[in-house]
Amino acid sequence: MKPGETGLKRVFDATIYSIQGLKAAWKYEEAFRMEIVLLVLLTALTFFLPVNKFEQLAMIASLFMVVIVELLNSAVEAVVDRIGSDYHELSGRAKDIGSAAVFVSMIFVGITWFVVLFV
């Protein structure tokens, strides 16, 4: 964004950049594409399950959390890859921690869906 942009122009520009980010994630990140497909399919499934609206919201929100964490993980990986292809312990650690965050968010989906459906 240009320095000094304020108000609706800033919001509009931020929206454009966000859409560009989503397009880039879709184009370059296979995991993002798979998670979006699962988000759509599992969200549709919630409409056929015997759950109330708050439970349905929790189930769908947990799916969105995976997508959000995946976007952040992809951003970390892009920055690390931008720095260089040489192995560095901190670069590996950053990528592993980002991956772990996605994994933990997926565990959260499993716990949320299990609790809603079986507890």
PDB file of N, CA and C in Angstrom:
ATOM      1  N   MET A   1       0.825  -1.169   0.000  1.00  0.00           N
ATOM      2  CA  MET A   1       0.000   0.000   0.000  1.00  0.00           C
ATOM      3  C   MET A   1       0.875   1.240   0.000  1.00  0.00           C
ATOM      4  N   LYS A   2       0.372   2.264  -0.609  1.00  0.00           N
ATOM      5  CA  LYS A   2       1.100   3.521  -0.626  1.00  0.00           C
ATOM      6  C   LYS A   2       1.061   4.133   0.779  1.00  0.00           C
ATOM      7  N   PRO A   3       2.173   4.737   1.178  1.00  0.00           N
ATOM      8  CA  PRO A   3       2.160   5.396   2.487  1.00  0.00           C
ATOM      9  C   PRO A   3       1.100   6.482   2.522  1.00  0.00           C
ATOM     10  N   GLY A   4       0.410   6.572   3.617  1.00  0.00           N
ATOM     11  CA  GLY A   4      -0.562   7.634   3.788  1.00  0.00           C
ATOM     12  C   GLY A   4      -1.967   7.306   3.332  1.00  0.00           C
ATOM     13  N   GLU A   5      -2.164   6.160   2.702  1.00  0.00           N
ATOM     14  CA  GLU A   5      -3.519   5.796   2.287  1.00  0.00           C
ATOM     15  C   GLU A   5      -4.375   5.591   3.539  1.00  0.00           C
ATOM     16  N   THR A   6      -5.559   6.125   3.524  1.00  0.00           N
ATOM     17  CA  THR A   6      -6.456   5.992   4.671  1.00  0.00           C
ATOM     18  C   THR A   6      -7.870   5.738   4.188  1.00  0.00           C
ATOM     19  N   GLY A   7      -8.720   5.435   5.132  1.00  0.00           N
ATOM     20  CA  GLY A   7     -10.137   5.310   4.851  1.00  0.00           C
ATOM     21  C   GLY A   7     -10.477   4.181   3.906  1.00  0.00           C
ATOM     22  N   LEU A   8     -11.490   4.440   3.075  1.00  0.00           N
ATOM     23  CA  LEU A   8     -11.994   3.409   2.178  1.00  0.00           C
ATOM     24  C   LEU A   8     -10.962   2.979   1.146  1.00  0.00           C
ATOM     25  N   LYS A   9     -10.093   3.895   0.720  1.00  0.00           N
ATOM     26  CA  LYS A   9      -9.046   3.529  -0.244  1.00  0.00           C
ATOM     27  C   LYS A   9      -8.131   2.475   0.358  1.00  0.00           C
ATOM     28  N   ARG A  10      -7.761   2.623   1.609  1.00  0.00           N
ATOM     29  CA  ARG A  10      -6.907   1.646   2.287  1.00  0.00           C
ATOM     30  C   ARG A  10      -7.620   0.298   2.403  1.00  0.00           C
ATOM     31  N   VAL A  11      -8.890   0.313   2.755  1.00  0.00           N
ATOM     32  CA  VAL A  11      -9.670  -0.922   2.866  1.00  0.00           C
ATOM     33  C   VAL A  11      -9.777  -1.598   1.502  1.00  0.00           C
ATOM     34  N   PHE A  12     -10.035  -0.827   0.460  1.00  0.00           N
ATOM     35  CA  PHE A  12     -10.135  -1.373  -0.892  1.00  0.00           C
ATOM     36  C   PHE A  12      -8.816  -2.013  -1.313  1.00  0.00           C
ATOM     37  N   ASP A  13      -7.703  -1.284  -1.109  1.00  0.00           N
ATOM     38  CA  ASP A  13      -6.392  -1.821  -1.474  1.00  0.00           C
ATOM     39  C   ASP A  13      -6.081  -3.094  -0.695  1.00  0.00           C
ATOM     40  N   ALA A  14      -6.376  -3.101   0.592  1.00  0.00           N
ATOM     41  CA  ALA A  14      -6.122  -4.287   1.418  1.00  0.00           C
ATOM     42  C   ALA A  14      -6.944  -5.470   0.924  1.00  0.00           C
ATOM     43  N   THR A  15      -8.161  -5.205   0.504  1.00  0.00           N
ATOM     44  CA  THR A  15      -9.015  -6.270  -0.030  1.00  0.00           C
ATOM     45  C   THR A  15      -8.415  -6.847  -1.313  1.00  0.00           C
ATOM     46  N   ILE A  16      -7.935  -5.995  -2.176  1.00  0.00           N
ATOM     47  CA  ILE A  16      -7.306  -6.446  -3.431  1.00  0.00           C
ATOM     48  C   ILE A  16      -6.080  -7.306  -3.125  1.00  0.00           C
ATOM     49  N   TYR A  17      -5.250  -6.873  -2.192  1.00  0.00           N
ATOM     50  CA  TYR A  17      -4.057  -7.647  -1.823  1.00  0.00           C
ATOM     51  C   TYR A  17      -4.441  -8.994  -1.218  1.00  0.00           C
ATOM     52  N   SER A  18      -5.501  -9.001  -0.426  1.00  0.00           N
ATOM     53  CA  SER A  18      -5.958 -10.254   0.178  1.00  0.00           C
ATOM     54  C   SER A  18      -6.439 -11.229  -0.889  1.00  0.00           C
ATOM     55  N   ILE A  19      -7.165 -10.740  -1.856  1.00  0.00           N
ATOM     56  CA  ILE A  19      -7.633 -11.595  -2.953  1.00  0.00           C
ATOM     57  C   ILE A  19      -6.441 -12.122  -3.750  1.00  0.00           C
ATOM     58  N   GLN A  20      -5.440 -11.283  -3.980  1.00  0.00           N
ATOM     59  CA  GLN A  20      -4.225 -11.737  -4.667  1.00  0.00           C
ATOM     60  C   GLN A  20      -3.549 -12.857  -3.864  1.00  0.00           C
ATOM     61  N   GLY A  21      -3.540 -12.724  -2.542  1.00  0.00           N
ATOM     62  CA  GLY A  21      -2.954 -13.752  -1.689  1.00  0.00           C
ATOM     63  C   GLY A  21      -3.705 -15.060  -1.781  1.00  0.00           C
ATOM     64  N   LEU A  22      -5.027 -14.988  -1.794  1.00  0.00           N
ATOM     65  CA  LEU A  22      -5.832 -16.207  -1.932  1.00  0.00           C
ATOM     66  C   LEU A  22      -5.588 -16.866  -3.286  1.00  0.00           C
ATOM     67  N   LYS A  23      -5.502 -16.060  -4.335  1.00  0.00           N
ATOM     68  CA  LYS A  23      -5.218 -16.604  -5.666  1.00  0.00           C
ATOM     69  C   LYS A  23      -3.849 -17.272  -5.711  1.00  0.00           C
ATOM     70  N   ALA A  24      -2.849 -16.642  -5.097  1.00  0.00           N
ATOM     71  CA  ALA A  24      -1.502 -17.211  -5.077  1.00  0.00           C
ATOM     72  C   ALA A  24      -1.491 -18.522  -4.291  1.00  0.00           C
ATOM     73  N   ALA A  25      -2.195 -18.545  -3.168  1.00  0.00           N
ATOM     74  CA  ALA A  25      -2.250 -19.779  -2.376  1.00  0.00           C
ATOM     75  C   ALA A  25      -2.911 -20.886  -3.188  1.00  0.00           C
ATOM     76  N   TRP A  26      -3.977 -20.571  -3.885  1.00  0.00           N
ATOM     77  CA  TRP A  26      -4.667 -21.568  -4.705  1.00  0.00           C
ATOM     78  C   TRP A  26      -3.750 -22.076  -5.824  1.00  0.00           C
ATOM     79  N   LYS A  27      -3.015 -21.173  -6.447  1.00  0.00           N
ATOM     80  CA  LYS A  27      -2.168 -21.533  -7.583  1.00  0.00           C
ATOM     81  C   LYS A  27      -0.940 -22.338  -7.165  1.00  0.00           C
ATOM     82  N   TYR A  28      -0.324 -21.982  -6.051  1.00  0.00           N
ATOM     83  CA  TYR A  28       0.983 -22.549  -5.711  1.00  0.00           C
ATOM     84  C   TYR A  28       0.969 -23.553  -4.553  1.00  0.00           C
ATOM     85  N   GLU A  29      -0.108 -23.634  -3.796  1.00  0.00           N
ATOM     86  CA  GLU A  29      -0.109 -24.461  -2.589  1.00  0.00           C
ATOM     87  C   GLU A  29      -1.138 -25.591  -2.692  1.00  0.00           C
ATOM     88  N   GLU A  30      -0.645 -26.793  -2.959  1.00  0.00           N
ATOM     89  CA  GLU A  30      -1.536 -27.946  -3.090  1.00  0.00           C
ATOM     90  C   GLU A  30      -2.294 -28.219  -1.797  1.00  0.00           C
ATOM     91  N   ALA A  31      -1.625 -28.087  -0.667  1.00  0.00           N
ATOM     92  CA  ALA A  31      -2.288 -28.331   0.618  1.00  0.00           C
ATOM     93  C   ALA A  31      -3.459 -27.365   0.805  1.00  0.00           C
ATOM     94  N   PHE A  32      -3.287 -26.115   0.397  1.00  0.00           N
ATOM     95  CA  PHE A  32      -4.364 -25.131   0.492  1.00  0.00           C
ATOM     96  C   PHE A  32      -5.557 -25.560  -0.358  1.00  0.00           C
ATOM     97  N   ARG A  33      -5.284 -26.001  -1.570  1.00  0.00           N
ATOM     98  CA  ARG A  33      -6.380 -26.449  -2.444  1.00  0.00           C
ATOM     99  C   ARG A  33      -7.132 -27.624  -1.830  1.00  0.00           C
ATOM    100  N   MET A  34      -6.392 -28.582  -1.299  1.00  0.00           N
ATOM    101  CA  MET A  34      -7.046 -29.748  -0.681  1.00  0.00           C
ATOM    102  C   MET A  34      -7.877 -29.328   0.528  1.00  0.00           C
ATOM    103  N   GLU A  35      -7.354 -28.414   1.327  1.00  0.00           N
ATOM    104  CA  GLU A  35      -8.091 -27.967   2.511  1.00  0.00           C
ATOM    105  C   GLU A  35      -9.333 -27.168   2.137  1.00  0.00           C
ATOM    106  N   ILE A  36      -9.276 -26.415   1.063  1.00  0.00           N
ATOM    107  CA  ILE A  36     -10.462 -25.687   0.599  1.00  0.00           C
ATOM    108  C   ILE A  36     -11.528 -26.665   0.128  1.00  0.00           C
ATOM    109  N   VAL A  37     -11.125 -27.689  -0.614  1.00  0.00           N
ATOM    110  CA  VAL A  37     -12.080 -28.702  -1.065  1.00  0.00           C
ATOM    111  C   VAL A  37     -12.724 -29.385   0.138  1.00  0.00           C
ATOM    112  N   LEU A  38     -11.913 -29.751   1.127  1.00  0.00           N
ATOM    113  CA  LEU A  38     -12.469 -30.366   2.339  1.00  0.00           C
ATOM    114  C   LEU A  38     -13.371 -29.402   3.090  1.00  0.00           C
ATOM    115  N   LEU A  39     -12.985 -28.139   3.149  1.00  0.00           N
ATOM    116  CA  LEU A  39     -13.819 -27.126   3.794  1.00  0.00           C
ATOM    117  C   LEU A  39     -15.197 -27.072   3.154  1.00  0.00           C
ATOM    118  N   VAL A  40     -15.233 -27.040   1.845  1.00  0.00           N
ATOM    119  CA  VAL A  40     -16.512 -26.961   1.130  1.00  0.00           C
ATOM    120  C   VAL A  40     -17.340 -28.227   1.350  1.00  0.00           C
ATOM    121  N   LEU A  41     -16.710 -29.382   1.179  1.00  0.00           N
ATOM    122  CA  LEU A  41     -17.443 -30.647   1.320  1.00  0.00           C
ATOM    123  C   LEU A  41     -17.941 -30.868   2.750  1.00  0.00           C
ATOM    124  N   LEU A  42     -17.061 -30.645   3.715  1.00  0.00           N
ATOM    125  CA  LEU A  42     -17.460 -30.889   5.105  1.00  0.00           C
ATOM    126  C   LEU A  42     -18.442 -29.834   5.608  1.00  0.00           C
ATOM    127  N   THR A  43     -18.314 -28.613   5.115  1.00  0.00           N
ATOM    128  CA  THR A  43     -19.307 -27.591   5.470  1.00  0.00           C
ATOM    129  C   THR A  43     -20.681 -28.002   4.958  1.00  0.00           C
ATOM    130  N   ALA A  44     -20.740 -28.474   3.730  1.00  0.00           N
ATOM    131  CA  ALA A  44     -22.017 -28.954   3.174  1.00  0.00           C
ATOM    132  C   ALA A  44     -22.553 -30.118   4.004  1.00  0.00           C
ATOM    133  N   LEU A  45     -21.673 -31.002   4.432  1.00  0.00           N
ATOM    134  CA  LEU A  45     -22.093 -32.145   5.247  1.00  0.00           C
ATOM    135  C   LEU A  45     -22.755 -31.713   6.542  1.00  0.00           C
ATOM    136  N   THR A  46     -22.283 -30.619   7.135  1.00  0.00           N
ATOM    137  CA  THR A  46     -22.851 -30.182   8.419  1.00  0.00           C
ATOM    138  C   THR A  46     -24.342 -29.874   8.326  1.00  0.00           C
ATOM    139  N   PHE A  47     -24.826 -29.543   7.135  1.00  0.00           N
ATOM    140  CA  PHE A  47     -26.245 -29.232   6.978  1.00  0.00           C
ATOM    141  C   PHE A  47     -27.122 -30.481   7.042  1.00  0.00           C
ATOM    142  N   PHE A  48     -26.495 -31.646   6.947  1.00  0.00           N
ATOM    143  CA  PHE A  48     -27.244 -32.898   6.988  1.00  0.00           C
ATOM    144  C   PHE A  48     -27.029 -33.669   8.277  1.00  0.00           C
ATOM    145  N   LEU A  49     -26.249 -33.114   9.180  1.00  0.00           N
ATOM    146  CA  LEU A  49     -25.974 -33.785  10.445  1.00  0.00           C
ATOM    147  C   LEU A  49     -26.950 -33.315  11.518  1.00  0.00           C
ATOM    148  N   PRO A  50     -27.222 -34.168  12.506  1.00  0.00           N
ATOM    149  CA  PRO A  50     -28.153 -33.798  13.575  1.00  0.00           C
ATOM    150  C   PRO A  50     -27.474 -32.916  14.631  1.00  0.00           C
ATOM    151  N   VAL A  51     -27.146 -31.688  14.230  1.00  0.00           N
ATOM    152  CA  VAL A  51     -26.481 -30.757  15.141  1.00  0.00           C
ATOM    153  C   VAL A  51     -27.249 -29.445  15.156  1.00  0.00           C
ATOM    154  N   ASN A  52     -27.125 -28.716  16.276  1.00  0.00           N
ATOM    155  CA  ASN A  52     -27.772 -27.399  16.318  1.00  0.00           C
ATOM    156  C   ASN A  52     -26.869 -26.367  15.637  1.00  0.00           C
ATOM    157  N   LYS A  53     -27.345 -25.158  15.519  1.00  0.00           N
ATOM    158  CA  LYS A  53     -26.615 -24.117  14.774  1.00  0.00           C
ATOM    159  C   LYS A  53     -25.280 -23.769  15.423  1.00  0.00           C
ATOM    160  N   PHE A  54     -25.217 -23.778  16.755  1.00  0.00           N
ATOM    161  CA  PHE A  54     -23.958 -23.460  17.426  1.00  0.00           C
ATOM    162  C   PHE A  54     -22.932 -24.569  17.225  1.00  0.00           C
ATOM    163  N   GLU A  55     -23.374 -25.798  17.258  1.00  0.00           N
ATOM    164  CA  GLU A  55     -22.480 -26.925  16.988  1.00  0.00           C
ATOM    165  C   GLU A  55     -21.998 -26.884  15.538  1.00  0.00           C
ATOM    166  N   GLN A  56     -22.920 -26.579  14.638  1.00  0.00           N
ATOM    167  CA  GLN A  56     -22.553 -26.463  13.230  1.00  0.00           C
ATOM    168  C   GLN A  56     -21.526 -25.350  13.040  1.00  0.00           C
ATOM    169  N   LEU A  57     -21.737 -24.241  13.718  1.00  0.00           N
ATOM    170  CA  LEU A  57     -20.795 -23.132  13.628  1.00  0.00           C
ATOM    171  C   LEU A  57     -19.412 -23.545  14.138  1.00  0.00           C
ATOM    172  N   ALA A  58     -19.363 -24.265  15.237  1.00  0.00           N
ATOM    173  CA  ALA A  58     -18.080 -24.729  15.787  1.00  0.00           C
ATOM    174  C   ALA A  58     -17.382 -25.659  14.796  1.00  0.00           C
ATOM    175  N   MET A  59     -18.142 -26.545  14.175  1.00  0.00           N
ATOM    176  CA  MET A  59     -17.557 -27.479  13.216  1.00  0.00           C
ATOM    177  C   MET A  59     -16.980 -26.733  12.009  1.00  0.00           C
ATOM    178  N   ILE A  60     -17.734 -25.787  11.489  1.00  0.00           N
ATOM    179  CA  ILE A  60     -17.284 -25.023  10.325  1.00  0.00           C
ATOM    180  C   ILE A  60     -16.130 -24.106  10.701  1.00  0.00           C
ATOM    181  N   ALA A  61     -16.201 -23.484  11.866  1.00  0.00           N
ATOM    182  CA  ALA A  61     -15.123 -22.589  12.311  1.00  0.00           C
ATOM    183  C   ALA A  61     -13.803 -23.349  12.444  1.00  0.00           C
ATOM    184  N   SER A  62     -13.882 -24.577  12.933  1.00  0.00           N
ATOM    185  CA  SER A  62     -12.646 -25.359  13.063  1.00  0.00           C
ATOM    186  C   SER A  62     -12.027 -25.630  11.692  1.00  0.00           C
ATOM    187  N   LEU A  63     -12.860 -25.823  10.678  1.00  0.00           N
ATOM    188  CA  LEU A  63     -12.356 -26.022   9.318  1.00  0.00           C
ATOM    189  C   LEU A  63     -11.703 -24.749   8.775  1.00  0.00           C
ATOM    190  N   PHE A  64     -12.328 -23.620   9.043  1.00  0.00           N
ATOM    191  CA  PHE A  64     -11.743 -22.351   8.606  1.00  0.00           C
ATOM    192  C   PHE A  64     -10.405 -22.099   9.295  1.00  0.00           C
ATOM    193  N   MET A  65     -10.295 -22.525  10.568  1.00  0.00           N
ATOM    194  CA  MET A  65      -9.037 -22.327  11.275  1.00  0.00           C
ATOM    195  C   MET A  65      -7.893 -23.054  10.564  1.00  0.00           C
ATOM    196  N   VAL A  66      -8.154 -24.246  10.048  1.00  0.00           N
ATOM    197  CA  VAL A  66      -7.119 -24.981   9.316  1.00  0.00           C
ATOM    198  C   VAL A  66      -6.673 -24.175   8.097  1.00  0.00           C
ATOM    199  N   VAL A  67      -7.615 -23.610   7.381  1.00  0.00           N
ATOM    200  CA  VAL A  67      -7.284 -22.825   6.188  1.00  0.00           C
ATOM    201  C   VAL A  67      -6.474 -21.590   6.574  1.00  0.00           C
ATOM    202  N   ILE A  68      -6.865 -20.925   7.646  1.00  0.00           N
ATOM    203  CA  ILE A  68      -6.144 -19.738   8.098  1.00  0.00           C
ATOM    204  C   ILE A  68      -4.708 -20.097   8.477  1.00  0.00           C
ATOM    205  N   VAL A  69      -4.556 -21.168   9.239  1.00  0.00           N
ATOM    206  CA  VAL A  69      -3.213 -21.578   9.664  1.00  0.00           C
ATOM    207  C   VAL A  69      -2.390 -22.012   8.451  1.00  0.00           C
ATOM    208  N   GLU A  70      -3.016 -22.663   7.492  1.00  0.00           N
ATOM    209  CA  GLU A  70      -2.303 -23.062   6.270  1.00  0.00           C
ATOM    210  C   GLU A  70      -1.809 -21.833   5.506  1.00  0.00           C
ATOM    211  N   LEU A  71      -2.618 -20.792   5.433  1.00  0.00           N
ATOM    212  CA  LEU A  71      -2.182 -19.563   4.767  1.00  0.00           C
ATOM    213  C   LEU A  71      -0.965 -18.968   5.470  1.00  0.00           C
ATOM    214  N   LEU A  72      -0.995 -18.944   6.793  1.00  0.00           N
ATOM    215  CA  LEU A  72       0.149 -18.420   7.543  1.00  0.00           C
ATOM    216  C   LEU A  72       1.383 -19.301   7.349  1.00  0.00           C
ATOM    217  N   ASN A  73       1.192 -20.615   7.359  1.00  0.00           N
ATOM    218  CA  ASN A  73       2.294 -21.538   7.128  1.00  0.00           C
ATOM    219  C   ASN A  73       2.891 -21.326   5.735  1.00  0.00           C
ATOM    220  N   SER A  74       2.046 -21.164   4.753  1.00  0.00           N
ATOM    221  CA  SER A  74       2.524 -20.943   3.385  1.00  0.00           C
ATOM    222  C   SER A  74       3.305 -19.633   3.285  1.00  0.00           C
ATOM    223  N   ALA A  75       2.860 -18.618   4.019  1.00  0.00           N
ATOM    224  CA  ALA A  75       3.578 -17.340   4.021  1.00  0.00           C
ATOM    225  C   ALA A  75       4.966 -17.512   4.636  1.00  0.00           C
ATOM    226  N   VAL A  76       5.047 -18.237   5.739  1.00  0.00           N
ATOM    227  CA  VAL A  76       6.353 -18.493   6.367  1.00  0.00           C
ATOM    228  C   VAL A  76       7.260 -19.238   5.393  1.00  0.00           C
ATOM    229  N   GLU A  77       6.726 -20.272   4.753  1.00  0.00           N
ATOM    230  CA  GLU A  77       7.533 -21.054   3.818  1.00  0.00           C
ATOM    231  C   GLU A  77       8.012 -20.199   2.647  1.00  0.00           C
ATOM    232  N   ALA A  78       7.156 -19.320   2.155  1.00  0.00           N
ATOM    233  CA  ALA A  78       7.556 -18.458   1.035  1.00  0.00           C
ATOM    234  C   ALA A  78       8.686 -17.521   1.445  1.00  0.00           C
ATOM    235  N   VAL A  79       8.595 -16.963   2.629  1.00  0.00           N
ATOM    236  CA  VAL A  79       9.646 -16.052   3.097  1.00  0.00           C
ATOM    237  C   VAL A  79      10.950 -16.816   3.288  1.00  0.00           C
ATOM    238  N   VAL A  80      10.886 -17.997   3.896  1.00  0.00           N
ATOM    239  CA  VAL A  80      12.095 -18.801   4.098  1.00  0.00           C
ATOM    240  C   VAL A  80      12.709 -19.172   2.751  1.00  0.00           C
ATOM    241  N   ASP A  81      11.877 -19.590   1.809  1.00  0.00           N
ATOM    242  CA  ASP A  81      12.386 -19.962   0.487  1.00  0.00           C
ATOM    243  C   ASP A  81      12.970 -18.754  -0.244  1.00  0.00           C
ATOM    244  N   ARG A  82      12.429 -17.585  -0.002  1.00  0.00           N
ATOM    245  CA  ARG A  82      12.922 -16.353  -0.629  1.00  0.00           C
ATOM    246  C   ARG A  82      14.344 -16.055  -0.177  1.00  0.00           C
ATOM    247  N   ILE A  83      14.641 -16.384   1.077  1.00  0.00           N
ATOM    248  CA  ILE A  83      15.961 -16.095   1.639  1.00  0.00           C
ATOM    249  C   ILE A  83      17.036 -16.893   0.921  1.00  0.00           C
ATOM    250  N   GLY A  84      16.748 -18.135   0.585  1.00  0.00           N
ATOM    251  CA  GLY A  84      17.725 -18.938  -0.132  1.00  0.00           C
ATOM    252  C   GLY A  84      17.432 -20.415   0.002  1.00  0.00           C
ATOM    253  N   SER A  85      18.076 -21.187  -0.878  1.00  0.00           N
ATOM    254  CA  SER A  85      17.833 -22.628  -0.888  1.00  0.00           C
ATOM    255  C   SER A  85      18.833 -23.385  -0.023  1.00  0.00           C
ATOM    256  N   ASP A  86      19.840 -22.698   0.497  1.00  0.00           N
ATOM    257  CA  ASP A  86      20.809 -23.356   1.377  1.00  0.00           C
ATOM    258  C   ASP A  86      20.120 -23.779   2.668  1.00  0.00           C
ATOM    259  N   TYR A  87      20.503 -24.955   3.154  1.00  0.00           N
ATOM    260  CA  TYR A  87      19.916 -25.420   4.411  1.00  0.00           C
ATOM    261  C   TYR A  87      20.434 -24.569   5.565  1.00  0.00           C
ATOM    262  N   HIS A  88      19.514 -24.169   6.412  1.00  0.00           N
ATOM    263  CA  HIS A  88      19.869 -23.507   7.659  1.00  0.00           C
ATOM    264  C   HIS A  88      18.945 -24.043   8.735  1.00  0.00           C
ATOM    265  N   GLU A  89      19.504 -24.324   9.900  1.00  0.00           N
ATOM    266  CA  GLU A  89      18.725 -24.910  10.989  1.00  0.00           C
ATOM    267  C   GLU A  89      17.493 -24.074  11.330  1.00  0.00           C
ATOM    268  N   LEU A  90      17.639 -22.761  11.366  1.00  0.00           N
ATOM    269  CA  LEU A  90      16.496 -21.903  11.717  1.00  0.00           C
ATOM    270  C   LEU A  90      15.425 -21.919  10.623  1.00  0.00           C
ATOM    271  N   SER A  91      15.842 -21.996   9.371  1.00  0.00           N
ATOM    272  CA  SER A  91      14.871 -22.086   8.280  1.00  0.00           C
ATOM    273  C   SER A  91      14.074 -23.382   8.387  1.00  0.00           C
ATOM    274  N   GLY A  92      14.791 -24.478   8.638  1.00  0.00           N
ATOM    275  CA  GLY A  92      14.119 -25.758   8.813  1.00  0.00           C
ATOM    276  C   GLY A  92      13.172 -25.737  10.004  1.00  0.00           C
ATOM    277  N   ARG A  93      13.631 -25.123  11.088  1.00  0.00           N
ATOM    278  CA  ARG A  93      12.794 -25.039  12.283  1.00  0.00           C
ATOM    279  C   ARG A  93      11.526 -24.222  12.011  1.00  0.00           C
ATOM    280  N   ALA A  94      11.677 -23.107  11.315  1.00  0.00           N
ATOM    281  CA  ALA A  94      10.519 -22.257  10.996  1.00  0.00           C
ATOM    282  C   ALA A  94       9.493 -23.030  10.173  1.00  0.00           C
ATOM    283  N   LYS A  95       9.975 -23.752   9.165  1.00  0.00           N
ATOM    284  CA  LYS A  95       9.063 -24.534   8.328  1.00  0.00           C
ATOM    285  C   LYS A  95       8.409 -25.661   9.124  1.00  0.00           C
ATOM    286  N   ASP A  96       9.179 -26.326   9.975  1.00  0.00           N
ATOM    287  CA  ASP A  96       8.630 -27.419  10.786  1.00  0.00           C
ATOM    288  C   ASP A  96       7.583 -26.907  11.770  1.00  0.00           C
ATOM    289  N   ILE A  97       7.835 -25.762  12.370  1.00  0.00           N
ATOM    290  CA  ILE A  97       6.879 -25.201  13.326  1.00  0.00           C
ATOM    291  C   ILE A  97       5.598 -24.774  12.610  1.00  0.00           C
ATOM    292  N   GLY A  98       5.742 -24.189  11.425  1.00  0.00           N
ATOM    293  CA  GLY A  98       4.548 -23.845  10.640  1.00  0.00           C
ATOM    294  C   GLY A  98       3.733 -25.075  10.300  1.00  0.00           C
ATOM    295  N   SER A  99       4.414 -26.128   9.905  1.00  0.00           N
ATOM    296  CA  SER A  99       3.742 -27.394   9.603  1.00  0.00           C
ATOM    297  C   SER A  99       3.068 -27.961  10.849  1.00  0.00           C
ATOM    298  N   ALA A 100       3.735 -27.847  11.981  1.00  0.00           N
ATOM    299  CA  ALA A 100       3.160 -28.332  13.235  1.00  0.00           C
ATOM    300  C   ALA A 100       1.889 -27.553  13.586  1.00  0.00           C
ATOM    301  N   ALA A 101       1.876 -26.265  13.284  1.00  0.00           N
ATOM    302  CA  ALA A 101       0.685 -25.460  13.551  1.00  0.00           C
ATOM    303  C   ALA A 101      -0.503 -25.951  12.731  1.00  0.00           C
ATOM    304  N   VAL A 102      -0.260 -26.279  11.477  1.00  0.00           N
ATOM    305  CA  VAL A 102      -1.325 -26.839  10.636  1.00  0.00           C
ATOM    306  C   VAL A 102      -1.795 -28.166  11.224  1.00  0.00           C
ATOM    307  N   PHE A 103      -0.856 -29.012  11.625  1.00  0.00           N
ATOM    308  CA  PHE A 103      -1.184 -30.313  12.208  1.00  0.00           C
ATOM    309  C   PHE A 103      -2.038 -30.156  13.471  1.00  0.00           C
ATOM    310  N   VAL A 104      -1.660 -29.237  14.342  1.00  0.00           N
ATOM    311  CA  VAL A 104      -2.422 -29.007  15.574  1.00  0.00           C
ATOM    312  C   VAL A 104      -3.826 -28.509  15.245  1.00  0.00           C
ATOM    313  N   SER A 105      -3.946 -27.651  14.239  1.00  0.00           N
ATOM    314  CA  SER A 105      -5.281 -27.167  13.861  1.00  0.00           C
ATOM    315  C   SER A 105      -6.148 -28.303  13.321  1.00  0.00           C
ATOM    316  N   MET A 106      -5.514 -29.261  12.638  1.00  0.00           N
ATOM    317  CA  MET A 106      -6.272 -30.425  12.152  1.00  0.00           C
ATOM    318  C   MET A 106      -6.702 -31.325  13.312  1.00  0.00           C
ATOM    319  N   ILE A 107      -5.855 -31.455  14.306  1.00  0.00           N
ATOM    320  CA  ILE A 107      -6.247 -32.208  15.503  1.00  0.00           C
ATOM    321  C   ILE A 107      -7.443 -31.530  16.157  1.00  0.00           C
ATOM    322  N   PHE A 108      -7.421 -30.205  16.196  1.00  0.00           N
ATOM    323  CA  PHE A 108      -8.537 -29.456  16.763  1.00  0.00           C
ATOM    324  C   PHE A 108      -9.837 -29.731  16.004  1.00  0.00           C
ATOM    325  N   VAL A 109      -9.754 -29.826  14.675  1.00  0.00           N
ATOM    326  CA  VAL A 109     -10.939 -30.188  13.879  1.00  0.00           C
ATOM    327  C   VAL A 109     -11.462 -31.549  14.329  1.00  0.00           C
ATOM    328  N   GLY A 110     -10.564 -32.512  14.441  1.00  0.00           N
ATOM    329  CA  GLY A 110     -10.975 -33.854  14.855  1.00  0.00           C
ATOM    330  C   GLY A 110     -11.628 -33.856  16.220  1.00  0.00           C
ATOM    331  N   ILE A 111     -11.042 -33.143  17.161  1.00  0.00           N
ATOM    332  CA  ILE A 111     -11.615 -33.076  18.511  1.00  0.00           C
ATOM    333  C   ILE A 111     -12.975 -32.397  18.480  1.00  0.00           C
ATOM    334  N   THR A 112     -13.058 -31.277  17.767  1.00  0.00           N
ATOM    335  CA  THR A 112     -14.333 -30.543  17.686  1.00  0.00           C
ATOM    336  C   THR A 112     -15.428 -31.409  17.097  1.00  0.00           C
ATOM    337  N   TRP A 113     -15.149 -32.038  15.976  1.00  0.00           N
ATOM    338  CA  TRP A 113     -16.162 -32.872  15.320  1.00  0.00           C
ATOM    339  C   TRP A 113     -16.513 -34.074  16.186  1.00  0.00           C
ATOM    340  N   PHE A 114     -15.547 -34.674  16.841  1.00  0.00           N
ATOM    341  CA  PHE A 114     -15.811 -35.827  17.707  1.00  0.00           C
ATOM    342  C   PHE A 114     -16.714 -35.410  18.866  1.00  0.00           C
ATOM    343  N   VAL A 115     -16.384 -34.311  19.517  1.00  0.00           N
ATOM    344  CA  VAL A 115     -17.175 -33.861  20.665  1.00  0.00           C
ATOM    345  C   VAL A 115     -18.607 -33.526  20.237  1.00  0.00           C
ATOM    346  N   VAL A 116     -18.743 -32.816  19.142  1.00  0.00           N
ATOM    347  CA  VAL A 116     -20.084 -32.441  18.674  1.00  0.00           C
ATOM    348  C   VAL A 116     -20.905 -33.669  18.297  1.00  0.00           C
ATOM    349  N   LEU A 117     -20.297 -34.623  17.625  1.00  0.00           N
ATOM    350  CA  LEU A 117     -21.051 -35.758  17.095  1.00  0.00           C
ATOM    351  C   LEU A 117     -21.225 -36.911  18.079  1.00  0.00           C
ATOM    352  N   PHE A 118     -20.297 -37.065  19.047  1.00  0.00           N
ATOM    353  CA  PHE A 118     -20.332 -38.289  19.861  1.00  0.00           C
ATOM    354  C   PHE A 118     -20.364 -38.068  21.364  1.00  0.00           C
ATOM    355  N   VAL A 119     -20.205 -36.870  21.831  1.00  0.00           N
ATOM    356  CA  VAL A 119     -20.186 -36.640  23.283  1.00  0.00           C
ATOM    357  C   VAL A 119     -21.441 -35.933  23.723  1.00  0.00           C
TER     358      VAL A 119
END
